[in-house]
Amino acid sequence: MAIGWMAVLQLVPWSDVISNAPKIAEGAKKLWSTVGKKPPLEDVAPLAVDDRPSGMAALEQRLQAMETAASELHEQMLASADLIRTLAEQNTQLVKRIEVNRARLVMLAAATVVVAVIAIASLTLLLMR
């Protein structure tokens, strides 16, 4: 199972992910600022329907239902935008951690090569004596 994950991780263009992470975070912030500024539709008080024909009352009820639905959709949009912003921030943090781990891995590989060269040189000198 680990081999499958390794294959998937190798297919990810990490350089693109790392270079685009700030753009994604900035886009999420812009989305949140744009969506967050829009006020939800205000509920309009229902008008008296005593003297109106039944068709007008039905239209008013439909309008009220649509305003309620639009208000609920706006709330869902705000929640979605907030979720996207949060995910973008987490993505940015994850990319930073990956970059730190990559740098550590490069340093560890370099140290391993240095130790291997020293060990081979030492072994060669011991065998030559």
N, C-alpha and C. Protein backbone atom coordinates (compact mmCIF):
# COMPACT_ATOMS: atom_id res chain seq x y z
N MET A 1 0.81 -1.20 0.00
CA MET A 1 0.00 0.00 0.00
C MET A 1 0.86 1.27 0.00
N ALA A 2 2.02 1.20 0.69
CA ALA A 2 2.90 2.36 0.74
C ALA A 2 3.49 2.66 -0.63
N ILE A 3 3.67 1.63 -1.43
CA ILE A 3 4.23 1.84 -2.76
C ILE A 3 3.28 2.68 -3.61
N GLY A 4 1.97 2.42 -3.47
CA GLY A 4 0.98 3.21 -4.21
C GLY A 4 1.04 4.68 -3.83
N TRP A 5 1.16 4.95 -2.55
CA TRP A 5 1.23 6.35 -2.09
C TRP A 5 2.51 7.00 -2.59
N MET A 6 3.59 6.25 -2.59
CA MET A 6 4.85 6.82 -3.07
C MET A 6 4.75 7.16 -4.55
N ALA A 7 4.09 6.32 -5.31
CA ALA A 7 3.92 6.61 -6.74
C ALA A 7 3.08 7.86 -6.94
N VAL A 8 2.02 7.99 -6.14
CA VAL A 8 1.17 9.17 -6.24
C VAL A 8 1.95 10.42 -5.85
N LEU A 9 2.72 10.34 -4.78
CA LEU A 9 3.50 11.50 -4.32
C LEU A 9 4.58 11.89 -5.33
N GLN A 10 5.12 10.91 -6.04
CA GLN A 10 6.13 11.22 -7.04
C GLN A 10 5.52 11.90 -8.27
N LEU A 11 4.24 11.65 -8.51
CA LEU A 11 3.58 12.25 -9.67
C LEU A 11 3.20 13.71 -9.43
N VAL A 12 3.17 14.12 -8.17
CA VAL A 12 2.79 15.50 -7.83
C VAL A 12 3.93 16.44 -8.21
N PRO A 13 3.64 17.47 -9.00
CA PRO A 13 4.69 18.45 -9.33
C PRO A 13 4.93 19.40 -8.15
N TRP A 14 5.76 18.96 -7.22
CA TRP A 14 5.94 19.70 -5.97
C TRP A 14 6.47 21.11 -6.21
N SER A 15 7.29 21.30 -7.20
CA SER A 15 7.80 22.65 -7.45
C SER A 15 6.65 23.59 -7.83
N ASP A 16 5.67 23.08 -8.60
CA ASP A 16 4.50 23.91 -8.94
C ASP A 16 3.64 24.16 -7.72
N VAL A 17 3.48 23.13 -6.89
CA VAL A 17 2.67 23.29 -5.68
C VAL A 17 3.28 24.34 -4.77
N ILE A 18 4.59 24.25 -4.59
CA ILE A 18 5.28 25.19 -3.70
C ILE A 18 5.24 26.60 -4.26
N SER A 19 5.45 26.73 -5.57
CA SER A 19 5.46 28.08 -6.15
C SER A 19 4.07 28.70 -6.21
N ASN A 20 3.02 27.89 -6.29
CA ASN A 20 1.66 28.43 -6.39
C ASN A 20 0.95 28.57 -5.05
N ALA A 21 1.53 28.07 -3.98
CA ALA A 21 0.87 28.15 -2.67
C ALA A 21 0.56 29.59 -2.25
N PRO A 22 1.48 30.53 -2.40
CA PRO A 22 1.13 31.91 -2.03
C PRO A 22 0.00 32.48 -2.88
N LYS A 23 -0.03 32.11 -4.17
CA LYS A 23 -1.11 32.60 -5.04
C LYS A 23 -2.45 32.05 -4.59
N ILE A 24 -2.48 30.78 -4.20
CA ILE A 24 -3.72 30.16 -3.73
C ILE A 24 -4.19 30.84 -2.46
N ALA A 25 -3.27 31.07 -1.54
CA ALA A 25 -3.64 31.73 -0.28
C ALA A 25 -4.16 33.14 -0.54
N GLU A 26 -3.50 33.86 -1.43
CA GLU A 26 -3.93 35.22 -1.76
C GLU A 26 -5.31 35.21 -2.42
N GLY A 27 -5.53 34.25 -3.32
CA GLY A 27 -6.84 34.13 -3.97
C GLY A 27 -7.94 33.82 -2.97
N ALA A 28 -7.64 32.97 -2.01
CA ALA A 28 -8.63 32.64 -0.98
C ALA A 28 -8.93 33.86 -0.11
N LYS A 29 -7.90 34.65 0.20
CA LYS A 29 -8.12 35.87 0.98
C LYS A 29 -8.98 36.86 0.21
N LYS A 30 -8.72 36.99 -1.10
CA LYS A 30 -9.53 37.90 -1.92
C LYS A 30 -10.97 37.43 -1.98
N LEU A 31 -11.15 36.11 -2.14
CA LEU A 31 -12.51 35.56 -2.17
C LEU A 31 -13.23 35.85 -0.87
N TRP A 32 -12.54 35.62 0.25
CA TRP A 32 -13.16 35.86 1.55
C TRP A 32 -13.49 37.33 1.74
N SER A 33 -12.60 38.20 1.34
CA SER A 33 -12.87 39.63 1.50
C SER A 33 -14.02 40.08 0.61
N THR A 34 -14.13 39.50 -0.58
CA THR A 34 -15.22 39.86 -1.49
C THR A 34 -16.55 39.33 -0.98
N VAL A 35 -16.57 38.06 -0.61
CA VAL A 35 -17.82 37.44 -0.16
C VAL A 35 -18.21 37.96 1.22
N GLY A 36 -17.23 38.18 2.07
CA GLY A 36 -17.52 38.63 3.42
C GLY A 36 -18.12 40.02 3.49
N LYS A 37 -17.86 40.84 2.49
CA LYS A 37 -18.37 42.21 2.49
C LYS A 37 -19.83 42.29 2.08
N LYS A 38 -20.29 41.30 1.32
CA LYS A 38 -21.66 41.35 0.83
C LYS A 38 -22.62 41.05 1.97
N PRO A 39 -23.56 41.96 2.21
CA PRO A 39 -24.52 41.68 3.28
C PRO A 39 -25.57 40.69 2.78
N PRO A 40 -26.10 39.87 3.68
CA PRO A 40 -27.16 38.96 3.27
C PRO A 40 -28.42 39.76 2.93
N LEU A 41 -29.25 39.14 2.13
CA LEU A 41 -30.50 39.82 1.78
C LEU A 41 -31.33 40.02 3.04
N GLU A 42 -31.86 41.21 3.17
CA GLU A 42 -32.67 41.49 4.34
C GLU A 42 -34.06 40.94 4.12
N ASP A 43 -34.60 40.39 5.18
CA ASP A 43 -35.96 39.89 5.08
C ASP A 43 -36.92 41.07 4.99
N VAL A 44 -37.78 41.00 4.03
CA VAL A 44 -38.78 42.04 3.84
C VAL A 44 -40.03 41.61 4.58
N ALA A 45 -40.57 42.52 5.35
CA ALA A 45 -41.80 42.19 6.09
C ALA A 45 -42.91 41.91 5.10
N PRO A 46 -43.64 40.82 5.32
CA PRO A 46 -44.72 40.50 4.39
C PRO A 46 -45.80 41.57 4.41
N LEU A 47 -46.26 41.90 3.23
CA LEU A 47 -47.30 42.92 3.12
C LEU A 47 -48.65 42.31 3.43
N ALA A 48 -49.59 43.14 3.81
CA ALA A 48 -50.94 42.66 4.07
C ALA A 48 -51.57 42.22 2.76
N VAL A 49 -52.18 41.05 2.79
CA VAL A 49 -52.75 40.50 1.57
C VAL A 49 -54.27 40.41 1.66
N ASP A 50 -54.84 41.20 2.54
CA ASP A 50 -56.30 41.15 2.74
C ASP A 50 -57.06 41.50 1.47
N ASP A 51 -56.65 42.59 0.84
CA ASP A 51 -57.42 43.10 -0.28
C ASP A 51 -56.85 42.70 -1.64
N ARG A 52 -55.92 41.76 -1.69
CA ARG A 52 -55.30 41.37 -2.95
C ARG A 52 -55.94 40.08 -3.47
N PRO A 53 -55.87 39.92 -4.77
CA PRO A 53 -56.36 38.66 -5.31
C PRO A 53 -55.44 37.51 -4.90
N SER A 54 -55.95 36.31 -4.95
CA SER A 54 -55.19 35.15 -4.48
C SER A 54 -53.92 34.93 -5.29
N GLY A 55 -53.91 35.33 -6.55
CA GLY A 55 -52.71 35.20 -7.37
C GLY A 55 -51.58 36.07 -6.85
N MET A 56 -51.90 37.25 -6.42
CA MET A 56 -50.89 38.15 -5.86
C MET A 56 -50.36 37.61 -4.53
N ALA A 57 -51.22 37.03 -3.74
CA ALA A 57 -50.79 36.45 -2.46
C ALA A 57 -49.85 35.28 -2.71
N ALA A 58 -50.16 34.48 -3.73
CA ALA A 58 -49.30 33.34 -4.05
C ALA A 58 -47.93 33.83 -4.52
N LEU A 59 -47.91 34.88 -5.34
CA LEU A 59 -46.65 35.44 -5.80
C LEU A 59 -45.83 35.97 -4.63
N GLU A 60 -46.52 36.61 -3.69
CA GLU A 60 -45.83 37.14 -2.52
C GLU A 60 -45.23 36.02 -1.69
N GLN A 61 -45.94 34.93 -1.55
CA GLN A 61 -45.43 33.79 -0.79
C GLN A 61 -44.20 33.20 -1.50
N ARG A 62 -44.29 33.10 -2.82
CA ARG A 62 -43.15 32.58 -3.59
C ARG A 62 -41.95 33.51 -3.45
N LEU A 63 -42.19 34.80 -3.49
CA LEU A 63 -41.12 35.77 -3.34
C LEU A 63 -40.47 35.64 -1.96
N GLN A 64 -41.29 35.49 -0.95
CA GLN A 64 -40.78 35.34 0.42
C GLN A 64 -39.94 34.06 0.52
N ALA A 65 -40.41 32.97 -0.10
CA ALA A 65 -39.67 31.71 -0.07
C ALA A 65 -38.34 31.86 -0.80
N MET A 66 -38.33 32.59 -1.91
CA MET A 66 -37.09 32.78 -2.66
C MET A 66 -36.11 33.66 -1.90
N GLU A 67 -36.61 34.65 -1.21
CA GLU A 67 -35.73 35.50 -0.40
C GLU A 67 -35.11 34.70 0.73
N THR A 68 -35.89 33.81 1.33
CA THR A 68 -35.37 32.95 2.39
C THR A 68 -34.30 32.01 1.82
N ALA A 69 -34.58 31.43 0.66
CA ALA A 69 -33.62 30.53 0.04
C ALA A 69 -32.35 31.28 -0.34
N ALA A 70 -32.49 32.50 -0.86
CA ALA A 70 -31.32 33.30 -1.23
C ALA A 70 -30.49 33.63 0.01
N SER A 71 -31.14 33.92 1.11
CA SER A 71 -30.44 34.22 2.36
C SER A 71 -29.67 32.99 2.84
N GLU A 72 -30.31 31.82 2.76
CA GLU A 72 -29.63 30.59 3.17
C GLU A 72 -28.43 30.29 2.26
N LEU A 73 -28.60 30.51 0.97
CA LEU A 73 -27.49 30.31 0.03
C LEU A 73 -26.34 31.26 0.32
N HIS A 74 -26.67 32.49 0.70
CA HIS A 74 -25.61 33.46 1.04
C HIS A 74 -24.85 32.98 2.26
N GLU A 75 -25.54 32.47 3.25
CA GLU A 75 -24.88 31.95 4.44
C GLU A 75 -23.98 30.77 4.09
N GLN A 76 -24.47 29.89 3.21
CA GLN A 76 -23.66 28.75 2.78
C GLN A 76 -22.43 29.23 2.00
N MET A 77 -22.60 30.26 1.20
CA MET A 77 -21.48 30.80 0.43
C MET A 77 -20.43 31.38 1.38
N LEU A 78 -20.87 32.08 2.42
CA LEU A 78 -19.93 32.62 3.40
C LEU A 78 -19.18 31.49 4.10
N ALA A 79 -19.91 30.44 4.47
CA ALA A 79 -19.26 29.30 5.13
C ALA A 79 -18.27 28.63 4.19
N SER A 80 -18.63 28.49 2.92
CA SER A 80 -17.73 27.87 1.95
C SER A 80 -16.49 28.73 1.73
N ALA A 81 -16.67 30.03 1.63
CA ALA A 81 -15.53 30.92 1.43
C ALA A 81 -14.60 30.87 2.64
N ASP A 82 -15.17 30.79 3.83
CA ASP A 82 -14.36 30.69 5.04
C ASP A 82 -13.59 29.38 5.05
N LEU A 83 -14.25 28.30 4.63
CA LEU A 83 -13.58 27.01 4.56
C LEU A 83 -12.44 27.04 3.55
N ILE A 84 -12.67 27.65 2.41
CA ILE A 84 -11.63 27.75 1.38
C ILE A 84 -10.45 28.56 1.90
N ARG A 85 -10.74 29.65 2.60
CA ARG A 85 -9.67 30.47 3.17
C ARG A 85 -8.86 29.66 4.17
N THR A 86 -9.55 28.92 5.04
CA THR A 86 -8.86 28.11 6.03
C THR A 86 -8.01 27.03 5.38
N LEU A 87 -8.57 26.38 4.36
CA LEU A 87 -7.81 25.35 3.65
C LEU A 87 -6.60 25.93 2.94
N ALA A 88 -6.74 27.11 2.39
CA ALA A 88 -5.61 27.75 1.71
C ALA A 88 -4.51 28.08 2.72
N GLU A 89 -4.89 28.54 3.90
CA GLU A 89 -3.89 28.84 4.93
C GLU A 89 -3.18 27.56 5.37
N GLN A 90 -3.96 26.48 5.55
CA GLN A 90 -3.36 25.21 5.93
C GLN A 90 -2.45 24.69 4.82
N ASN A 91 -2.86 24.90 3.58
CA ASN A 91 -2.03 24.48 2.45
C ASN A 91 -0.71 25.24 2.45
N THR A 92 -0.76 26.53 2.74
CA THR A 92 0.46 27.33 2.79
C THR A 92 1.38 26.83 3.89
N GLN A 93 0.82 26.54 5.06
CA GLN A 93 1.63 26.02 6.16
C GLN A 93 2.23 24.66 5.81
N LEU A 94 1.43 23.82 5.16
CA LEU A 94 1.91 22.50 4.75
C LEU A 94 3.06 22.62 3.76
N VAL A 95 2.92 23.51 2.80
CA VAL A 95 3.98 23.69 1.80
C VAL A 95 5.25 24.20 2.47
N LYS A 96 5.11 25.11 3.44
CA LYS A 96 6.29 25.60 4.16
C LYS A 96 6.98 24.46 4.89
N ARG A 97 6.19 23.60 5.54
CA ARG A 97 6.79 22.47 6.27
C ARG A 97 7.46 21.50 5.30
N ILE A 98 6.83 21.27 4.16
CA ILE A 98 7.43 20.38 3.16
C ILE A 98 8.75 20.96 2.68
N GLU A 99 8.80 22.26 2.47
CA GLU A 99 10.03 22.90 2.02
C GLU A 99 11.13 22.78 3.08
N VAL A 100 10.77 22.95 4.35
CA VAL A 100 11.74 22.79 5.43
C VAL A 100 12.24 21.34 5.47
N ASN A 101 11.33 20.38 5.35
CA ASN A 101 11.74 18.98 5.35
C ASN A 101 12.61 18.64 4.14
N ARG A 102 12.31 19.25 2.99
CA ARG A 102 13.13 19.02 1.80
C ARG A 102 14.54 19.54 2.04
N ALA A 103 14.65 20.72 2.62
CA ALA A 103 15.97 21.29 2.90
C ALA A 103 16.74 20.41 3.89
N ARG A 104 16.03 19.90 4.90
CA ARG A 104 16.68 19.02 5.87
C ARG A 104 17.14 17.73 5.20
N LEU A 105 16.32 17.22 4.31
CA LEU A 105 16.67 15.99 3.61
C LEU A 105 17.90 16.19 2.74
N VAL A 106 18.01 17.33 2.08
CA VAL A 106 19.19 17.63 1.27
C VAL A 106 20.43 17.70 2.16
N MET A 107 20.31 18.37 3.31
CA MET A 107 21.45 18.46 4.23
C MET A 107 21.83 17.08 4.76
N LEU A 108 20.83 16.26 5.05
CA LEU A 108 21.11 14.91 5.55
C LEU A 108 21.78 14.07 4.47
N ALA A 109 21.32 14.21 3.23
CA ALA A 109 21.95 13.47 2.13
C ALA A 109 23.39 13.91 1.94
N ALA A 110 23.64 15.22 2.03
CA ALA A 110 25.00 15.72 1.89
C ALA A 110 25.88 15.20 3.02
N ALA A 111 25.36 15.20 4.24
CA ALA A 111 26.13 14.68 5.38
C ALA A 111 26.41 13.20 5.21
N THR A 112 25.45 12.47 4.70
CA THR A 112 25.63 11.03 4.46
C THR A 112 26.71 10.79 3.43
N VAL A 113 26.72 11.59 2.38
CA VAL A 113 27.75 11.45 1.35
C VAL A 113 29.13 11.75 1.93
N VAL A 114 29.22 12.79 2.74
CA VAL A 114 30.51 13.15 3.37
C VAL A 114 30.98 12.02 4.27
N VAL A 115 30.08 11.47 5.07
CA VAL A 115 30.45 10.37 5.97
C VAL A 115 30.86 9.14 5.17
N ALA A 116 30.15 8.87 4.07
CA ALA A 116 30.48 7.72 3.23
C ALA A 116 31.86 7.90 2.60
N VAL A 117 32.17 9.09 2.12
CA VAL A 117 33.47 9.36 1.53
C VAL A 117 34.57 9.19 2.57
N ILE A 118 34.35 9.70 3.75
CA ILE A 118 35.35 9.56 4.83
C ILE A 118 35.53 8.09 5.19
N ALA A 119 34.42 7.35 5.26
CA ALA A 119 34.52 5.93 5.60
C ALA A 119 35.26 5.15 4.52
N ILE A 120 34.97 5.44 3.26
CA ILE A 120 35.66 4.74 2.17
C ILE A 120 37.14 5.11 2.15
N ALA A 121 37.44 6.38 2.38
CA ALA A 121 38.85 6.82 2.42
C ALA A 121 39.58 6.15 3.57
N SER A 122 38.95 6.07 4.73
CA SER A 122 39.56 5.43 5.89
C SER A 122 39.80 3.95 5.63
N LEU A 123 38.80 3.29 5.05
CA LEU A 123 38.92 1.87 4.75
C LEU A 123 40.03 1.62 3.73
N THR A 124 40.10 2.50 2.74
CA THR A 124 41.14 2.37 1.70
C THR A 124 42.53 2.54 2.33
N LEU A 125 42.68 3.53 3.21
CA LEU A 125 43.98 3.73 3.86
C LEU A 125 44.36 2.55 4.76
N LEU A 126 43.36 1.95 5.43
CA LEU A 126 43.64 0.81 6.29
C LEU A 126 44.06 -0.41 5.46
N LEU A 127 43.43 -0.58 4.32
CA LEU A 127 43.75 -1.74 3.49
C LEU A 127 45.10 -1.57 2.77
N MET A 128 45.53 -0.35 2.55
CA MET A 128 46.80 -0.11 1.89
C MET A 128 47.98 -0.32 2.81
N ARG A 129 47.83 -0.30 4.06
CA ARG A 129 48.94 -0.48 5.01
C ARG A 129 49.33 -1.86 5.11
